Structure formats: C-alpha cells, structure tokens
Amino acid sequence: MERFSRIRSFLGEEGFAILQGSFITIVGIGAVGGHVAEGLARAGIGRLRLVDFDIIQPSNINRQIMALETTLGQPKVEAAQARIAAINPHCLVEALRLFADDASVEQILTPAPHILIDAIDSMNPKVQLLTAAHRLGISVISSMGAALRSDPAQVRMGDLMDTRNCPLAKRLRQRIRRSGIERGISCVYSTEAVTWQYDDEEEAPALKNSARSTVPGSVDDRPGRDADSPESPFAERGRRRRKLGSLPTLTGIFGLIIANEVILRLTGKS
C-alpha cells in the first residue's frame, strides 16, 4: 500500500486501479525505452511487454538506465525485467528478445496492448511496426530523434505529421504516407534544429545480411537502441551510419515524457 501511496493520492483509487489493469508494450529498451519502462514501473503499471534484440554495452552507460557495470553483456530486456521486479514485484513483465520487423510484428502485437511505445530507430522496422499497429487500431506513442539536442524546453508531444526540425520524423512521415497513413501517430520530438540529415544515412552502403557480420560502430546513437556490438541486429541487417552524440538528460526526458503521457492517457487526464 505504501509503495504507490503518492501516485494513488494523485490519481485517486480509480485511476490507480486503471494503471494496475493496463498492458503496455515497449519496443526498444534503450536510452528512451528504458526510461519509459522505469517511469511506468514506478507508477504501478500492471503488465509490461519489453521487446529488444540487443545486449548492454559499455557505450550504453552514459544514457541508458538499464546499463550498469553489473549488467554489461546482459540482454537489455532481461536487465529491464530484473530491474522492474526490484521496483514492483507485482508487475507482470514479459521479456522478448526479438528484432522488430514484418516477421515478428504479429507476435509483438498479440495480444494488443492498451498502448504501444515505439522507441526504436531503425527506419524499416519502425515503419513496419507503426503501420501494423495503425492497421490494428492500436494506440501508439513513438519516439523521434533525441540525439544532437541539448534544449529540454523544445521537446514536444504531438502528431507525427505536425513535427518539425526532426530529420528522423521527416523521413518517417514520407514512408508512413506511402502506406496511406496521414494522421493518428502520436510522438515525442524536439523542435531544436540540427544539421544532420537522415537521407544521407539511408544512402550509406547496406551491410551484409549475415549472422556473422561484424561491423563495429556501424549504427548511430539515436534513441531506443544502441548497437556497438557484433550481436546487434544492425550489424547483421542495418546500414552503415555515423554515431550521433547524445545527452543522458535529453534521452531520459524523451522517455519520461512518453511514460507521463501513457499515465495521463490511460487515466483520462491527457
């Protein structure tokens, strides 16, 4: 009773009961997704499904809440599952070590969550996940790019089609529209201008699609996934990309804003 006394006082018994009965799926347990999971676990959410393929690397420690000296080498979903159990042992946590794409999206979205959190940054999987969720009528909150930003006052919540100054969102809008989706995908983004262009990265050479392919430093550090190791799915299936600098404060803010929106949306306070 004492563990959640503050949030129960804020939301009331009915609101807190809604959180306890809610099921959220988070895809991408990295810099953004890890903070989403943390915020929801501390709010008393009843059930979480965590989806991520990667393991924790030393380069994750600067910004990923699950990354500690004691968790290096662990699958991110398993480290998150253990951390949530230490916060709220009554939360039912399902850890799926999967790469999100057309082959796995049905498993990821079955059963349908009350809200799906997209915290991945690989374009094709992101498009496939969001398109499938939209088709199934699943409420979505997606994370755009937090790397290269430093101004927390410019972080916004809005519809994907209303975003500006975000190269990732611009590219995603173009891809999503090809599937006939115009509006209805909520996202967290920053209006802070950056000079990096997503199109430049998409034109980089594709990596060999092999389980043994190892290309150190082959992907960027945008929110939701860090892939510095040969075990990363991007070393097998992604494209060669520059690493982008990011602050732990901004990626954390993105994740906690998403968690906050989930809480408000579920309890009717959004």
Protein backbone atom coordinates (compact mmCIF):
# COMPACT_ATOMS: atom_id res chain seq x y z
CA MET A 1 0.00 0.00 0.00
CA GLU A 2 2.83 2.41 0.89
CA ARG A 3 4.84 1.69 -2.28
CA PHE A 4 2.41 3.62 -4.50
CA SER A 5 0.83 5.95 -1.95
CA ARG A 6 1.91 9.14 -3.75
CA ILE A 7 0.58 8.15 -7.15
CA ARG A 8 -2.62 6.81 -5.60
CA SER A 9 -3.07 10.15 -3.87
CA PHE A 10 -2.58 11.96 -7.19
CA LEU A 11 -4.74 9.74 -9.42
CA GLY A 12 -7.24 8.50 -6.89
CA GLU A 13 -8.12 4.85 -6.29
CA GLU A 14 -9.98 4.52 -9.59
CA GLY A 15 -7.13 5.99 -11.60
CA PHE A 16 -4.54 3.83 -9.90
CA ALA A 17 -6.69 0.73 -10.48
CA ILE A 18 -6.68 1.56 -14.19
CA LEU A 19 -2.87 1.57 -14.23
CA GLN A 20 -2.76 -1.75 -12.39
CA GLY A 21 -5.05 -3.25 -15.02
CA SER A 22 -3.20 -1.85 -18.04
CA PHE A 23 -0.94 -3.65 -20.51
CA ILE A 24 1.81 -1.68 -22.29
CA THR A 25 4.25 -2.93 -24.93
CA ILE A 26 7.57 -1.12 -25.29
CA VAL A 27 9.69 -1.88 -28.35
CA GLY A 28 13.28 -0.72 -27.90
CA ILE A 29 14.71 -0.80 -24.36
CA GLY A 30 17.49 1.70 -24.87
CA ALA A 31 18.06 5.32 -23.92
CA VAL A 32 14.41 6.30 -24.38
CA GLY A 33 12.58 3.00 -23.95
CA GLY A 34 14.41 2.17 -20.73
CA HIS A 35 13.19 5.38 -19.13
CA VAL A 36 9.65 4.66 -20.34
CA ALA A 37 9.76 1.27 -18.61
CA GLU A 38 11.21 2.81 -15.45
CA GLY A 39 8.55 5.50 -15.25
CA LEU A 40 5.69 3.08 -15.83
CA ALA A 41 7.03 0.55 -13.33
CA ARG A 42 7.27 3.23 -10.64
CA ALA A 43 3.73 4.35 -11.48
CA GLY A 44 2.36 0.88 -10.73
CA ILE A 45 1.52 -0.31 -14.25
CA GLY A 46 0.22 -3.87 -14.11
CA ARG A 47 1.74 -5.53 -17.18
CA LEU A 48 4.65 -4.74 -19.49
CA ARG A 49 5.93 -6.46 -22.60
CA LEU A 50 9.53 -5.45 -23.38
CA VAL A 51 10.96 -6.06 -26.84
CA ASP A 52 14.61 -5.58 -27.83
CA PHE A 53 17.27 -7.70 -29.53
CA ASP A 54 20.42 -6.04 -28.16
CA ILE A 55 22.72 -6.67 -25.23
CA ILE A 56 24.09 -3.97 -22.91
CA GLN A 57 27.43 -2.49 -23.98
CA PRO A 58 29.84 -0.12 -22.17
CA SER A 59 28.84 2.66 -24.60
CA ASN A 60 25.27 2.44 -23.27
CA ILE A 61 26.22 3.50 -19.75
CA ASN A 62 26.22 7.24 -20.45
CA ARG A 63 22.48 7.36 -21.19
CA GLN A 64 20.64 4.06 -20.69
CA ILE A 65 19.10 3.48 -17.29
CA MET A 66 19.42 -0.31 -17.53
CA ALA A 67 23.16 -0.06 -18.32
CA LEU A 68 25.35 -0.61 -15.25
CA GLU A 69 28.71 -2.21 -14.62
CA THR A 70 26.77 -5.17 -13.23
CA THR A 71 24.54 -5.56 -16.32
CA LEU A 72 27.16 -5.41 -19.08
CA GLY A 73 26.68 -8.25 -21.54
CA GLN A 74 23.11 -8.97 -20.48
CA PRO A 75 20.21 -8.78 -22.93
CA LYS A 76 18.54 -5.42 -22.40
CA VAL A 77 15.10 -6.94 -21.92
CA GLU A 78 16.37 -9.28 -19.20
CA ALA A 79 18.17 -6.49 -17.34
CA ALA A 80 14.99 -4.40 -17.54
CA GLN A 81 12.86 -7.29 -16.34
CA ALA A 82 15.08 -7.76 -13.27
CA ARG A 83 15.12 -4.02 -12.52
CA ILE A 84 11.33 -3.75 -12.72
CA ALA A 85 10.96 -6.76 -10.42
CA ALA A 86 13.07 -4.87 -7.87
CA ILE A 87 10.80 -1.82 -8.21
CA ASN A 88 7.42 -3.56 -8.32
CA PRO A 89 7.45 -7.36 -7.98
CA HIS A 90 3.71 -7.43 -8.73
CA CYS A 91 4.20 -6.07 -12.25
CA LEU A 92 3.95 -8.84 -14.83
CA VAL A 93 6.91 -8.36 -17.20
CA GLU A 94 7.39 -10.32 -20.41
CA ALA A 95 10.86 -10.04 -21.96
CA LEU A 96 11.02 -10.75 -25.70
CA ARG A 97 14.48 -10.73 -27.26
CA LEU A 98 13.25 -10.03 -30.78
CA PHE A 99 14.16 -7.81 -33.69
CA ALA A 100 11.05 -5.88 -34.68
CA ASP A 101 10.13 -6.41 -38.33
CA ASP A 102 7.42 -7.90 -40.52
CA ALA A 103 8.33 -11.40 -39.35
CA SER A 104 7.91 -10.63 -35.64
CA VAL A 105 5.33 -7.84 -35.57
CA GLU A 106 2.37 -10.19 -35.13
CA GLN A 107 3.99 -11.78 -32.08
CA ILE A 108 4.87 -8.35 -30.68
CA LEU A 109 1.32 -7.02 -31.05
CA THR A 110 -0.57 -10.15 -29.93
CA PRO A 111 -2.41 -9.63 -27.70
CA ALA A 112 -2.90 -5.96 -28.49
CA PRO A 113 -1.61 -3.65 -25.73
CA HIS A 114 -3.59 -0.72 -24.45
CA ILE A 115 -0.75 1.48 -25.76
CA LEU A 116 2.28 0.60 -27.88
CA ILE A 117 5.54 2.50 -27.30
CA ASP A 118 7.87 2.66 -30.29
CA ALA A 119 11.37 3.52 -29.09
CA ILE A 120 13.39 2.02 -31.96
CA ASP A 121 15.34 3.98 -34.55
CA SER A 122 15.93 1.64 -37.47
CA MET A 123 13.71 3.00 -40.21
CA ASN A 124 12.32 -0.17 -41.80
CA PRO A 125 11.35 -1.85 -38.50
CA LYS A 126 9.91 1.44 -37.26
CA VAL A 127 7.72 1.78 -40.35
CA GLN A 128 6.63 -1.86 -40.20
CA LEU A 129 5.73 -1.69 -36.51
CA LEU A 130 3.82 1.59 -36.74
CA THR A 131 1.99 0.56 -39.91
CA ALA A 132 0.85 -2.72 -38.35
CA ALA A 133 -0.27 -1.01 -35.15
CA HIS A 134 -2.20 1.63 -37.07
CA ARG A 135 -3.91 -1.04 -39.15
CA LEU A 136 -4.95 -2.87 -35.97
CA GLY A 137 -6.20 0.30 -34.31
CA ILE A 138 -3.63 0.16 -31.51
CA SER A 139 -2.87 3.45 -29.76
CA VAL A 140 0.77 4.40 -30.35
CA ILE A 141 3.34 6.79 -28.91
CA SER A 142 6.54 6.92 -30.94
CA SER A 143 9.93 8.45 -30.14
CA MET A 144 11.65 10.65 -32.69
CA GLY A 145 15.30 11.74 -32.56
CA ALA A 146 16.78 12.87 -29.24
CA ALA A 147 20.44 12.80 -30.35
CA LEU A 148 22.27 16.08 -31.02
CA ARG A 149 19.74 18.03 -28.91
CA SER A 150 20.52 19.99 -25.77
CA ASP A 151 17.43 22.12 -25.08
CA PRO A 152 14.78 20.32 -23.00
CA ALA A 153 12.39 23.28 -23.45
CA GLN A 154 11.99 22.34 -27.12
CA VAL A 155 10.76 18.78 -26.52
CA ARG A 156 7.15 18.36 -27.64
CA MET A 157 4.35 15.82 -27.79
CA GLY A 158 2.22 15.85 -30.96
CA ASP A 159 1.09 14.10 -34.11
CA LEU A 160 3.86 12.80 -36.37
CA MET A 161 2.55 14.92 -39.23
CA ASP A 162 2.98 18.11 -37.19
CA THR A 163 6.66 17.62 -36.29
CA ARG A 164 9.39 19.99 -37.46
CA ASN A 165 13.19 20.17 -37.34
CA CYS A 166 13.50 16.40 -36.86
CA PRO A 167 15.22 14.55 -39.74
CA LEU A 168 14.05 11.18 -38.45
CA ALA A 169 10.43 12.33 -38.26
CA LYS A 170 10.63 13.84 -41.75
CA ARG A 171 11.87 10.59 -43.25
CA LEU A 172 9.31 8.58 -41.26
CA ARG A 173 6.44 10.78 -42.45
CA GLN A 174 7.44 10.12 -46.04
CA ARG A 175 7.48 6.36 -45.51
CA ILE A 176 4.28 6.23 -43.47
CA ARG A 177 2.32 8.18 -46.08
CA ARG A 178 3.14 5.52 -48.67
CA SER A 179 1.03 3.17 -46.55
CA GLY A 180 -1.90 5.57 -46.63
CA ILE A 181 -1.43 6.86 -43.07
CA GLU A 182 -1.92 10.60 -42.71
CA ARG A 183 -2.53 11.19 -39.01
CA GLY A 184 -3.03 9.33 -35.75
CA ILE A 185 0.54 8.50 -34.69
CA SER A 186 1.48 10.42 -31.53
CA CYS A 187 5.14 11.10 -30.95
CA VAL A 188 7.68 12.87 -28.78
CA TYR A 189 10.06 15.08 -30.77
CA SER A 190 12.28 18.12 -30.47
CA THR A 191 11.88 21.36 -32.42
CA GLU A 192 15.56 22.12 -31.85
CA ALA A 193 17.22 22.45 -35.26
CA VAL A 194 20.04 20.05 -36.17
CA THR A 195 22.19 19.94 -39.28
CA TRP A 196 22.25 16.16 -39.69
CA GLN A 197 20.06 14.74 -42.46
CA TYR A 198 18.55 11.26 -42.23
CA ASP A 199 18.59 10.85 -46.03
CA ASP A 200 22.38 10.97 -46.04
CA GLU A 201 22.47 7.97 -43.71
CA GLU A 202 19.90 5.97 -45.69
CA GLU A 203 22.12 6.18 -48.76
CA ALA A 204 25.07 4.59 -46.96
CA PRO A 205 26.07 1.07 -48.06
CA ALA A 206 23.92 -1.74 -46.69
CA LEU A 207 25.67 -4.29 -44.50
CA LYS A 208 25.81 -7.95 -45.29
CA ASN A 209 22.75 -9.82 -44.02
CA SER A 210 24.67 -12.46 -42.12
CA ALA A 211 24.57 -13.63 -38.52
CA ARG A 212 28.38 -13.48 -38.54
CA SER A 213 28.67 -9.99 -39.93
CA THR A 214 30.64 -7.73 -37.57
CA VAL A 215 30.94 -4.04 -38.31
CA PRO A 216 31.96 -2.16 -35.16
CA GLY A 217 30.38 1.25 -34.79
CA SER A 218 28.02 0.63 -37.70
CA VAL A 219 25.00 2.47 -36.41
CA ASP A 220 24.13 5.75 -34.82
CA ASP A 221 23.15 6.56 -31.25
CA ARG A 222 19.63 7.82 -31.79
CA PRO A 223 17.17 6.92 -29.03
CA GLY A 224 15.78 3.49 -28.36
CA ARG A 225 18.72 1.31 -29.37
CA ASP A 226 22.48 1.24 -29.14
CA ALA A 227 24.29 -1.18 -31.41
CA ASP A 228 28.02 -1.06 -30.96
CA SER A 229 28.45 -4.81 -30.77
CA PRO A 230 28.55 -7.60 -33.37
CA GLU A 231 25.48 -9.06 -31.66
CA SER A 232 23.41 -6.04 -32.60
CA PRO A 233 20.78 -6.74 -35.27
CA PHE A 234 22.07 -3.69 -37.12
CA ALA A 235 25.44 -5.37 -37.57
CA GLU A 236 23.51 -8.02 -39.49
CA ARG A 237 20.60 -6.18 -41.04
CA GLY A 238 21.15 -2.43 -40.80
CA ARG A 239 23.04 0.23 -42.73
CA ARG A 240 26.39 1.82 -42.01
CA ARG A 241 25.75 5.02 -40.07
CA ARG A 242 27.63 7.67 -38.16
CA LYS A 243 27.37 7.64 -34.39
CA LEU A 244 25.45 10.66 -33.16
CA GLY A 245 26.25 12.29 -29.85
CA SER A 246 23.51 12.43 -27.23
CA LEU A 247 22.99 13.65 -23.68
CA PRO A 248 21.59 11.35 -20.98
CA THR A 249 19.35 14.21 -19.91
CA LEU A 250 17.57 14.63 -23.25
CA THR A 251 17.06 10.94 -23.98
CA GLY A 252 15.78 10.49 -20.43
CA ILE A 253 13.39 13.42 -20.84
CA PHE A 254 12.01 11.86 -24.04
CA GLY A 255 11.35 8.59 -22.23
CA LEU A 256 9.79 10.15 -19.14
CA ILE A 257 7.53 12.39 -21.26
CA ILE A 258 6.28 9.26 -23.03
CA ALA A 259 5.70 7.50 -19.70
CA ASN A 260 3.88 10.57 -18.41
CA GLU A 261 1.63 10.67 -21.48
CA VAL A 262 0.81 6.97 -21.05
CA ILE A 263 -0.26 7.56 -17.44
CA LEU A 264 -2.39 10.57 -18.34
CA ARG A 265 -3.92 8.92 -21.37
CA LEU A 266 -4.86 5.72 -19.54
CA THR A 267 -6.46 7.60 -16.65
CA GLY A 268 -8.29 10.12 -18.80
CA LYS A 269 -6.21 13.10 -17.69
CA SER A 270 -4.43 13.68 -21.01
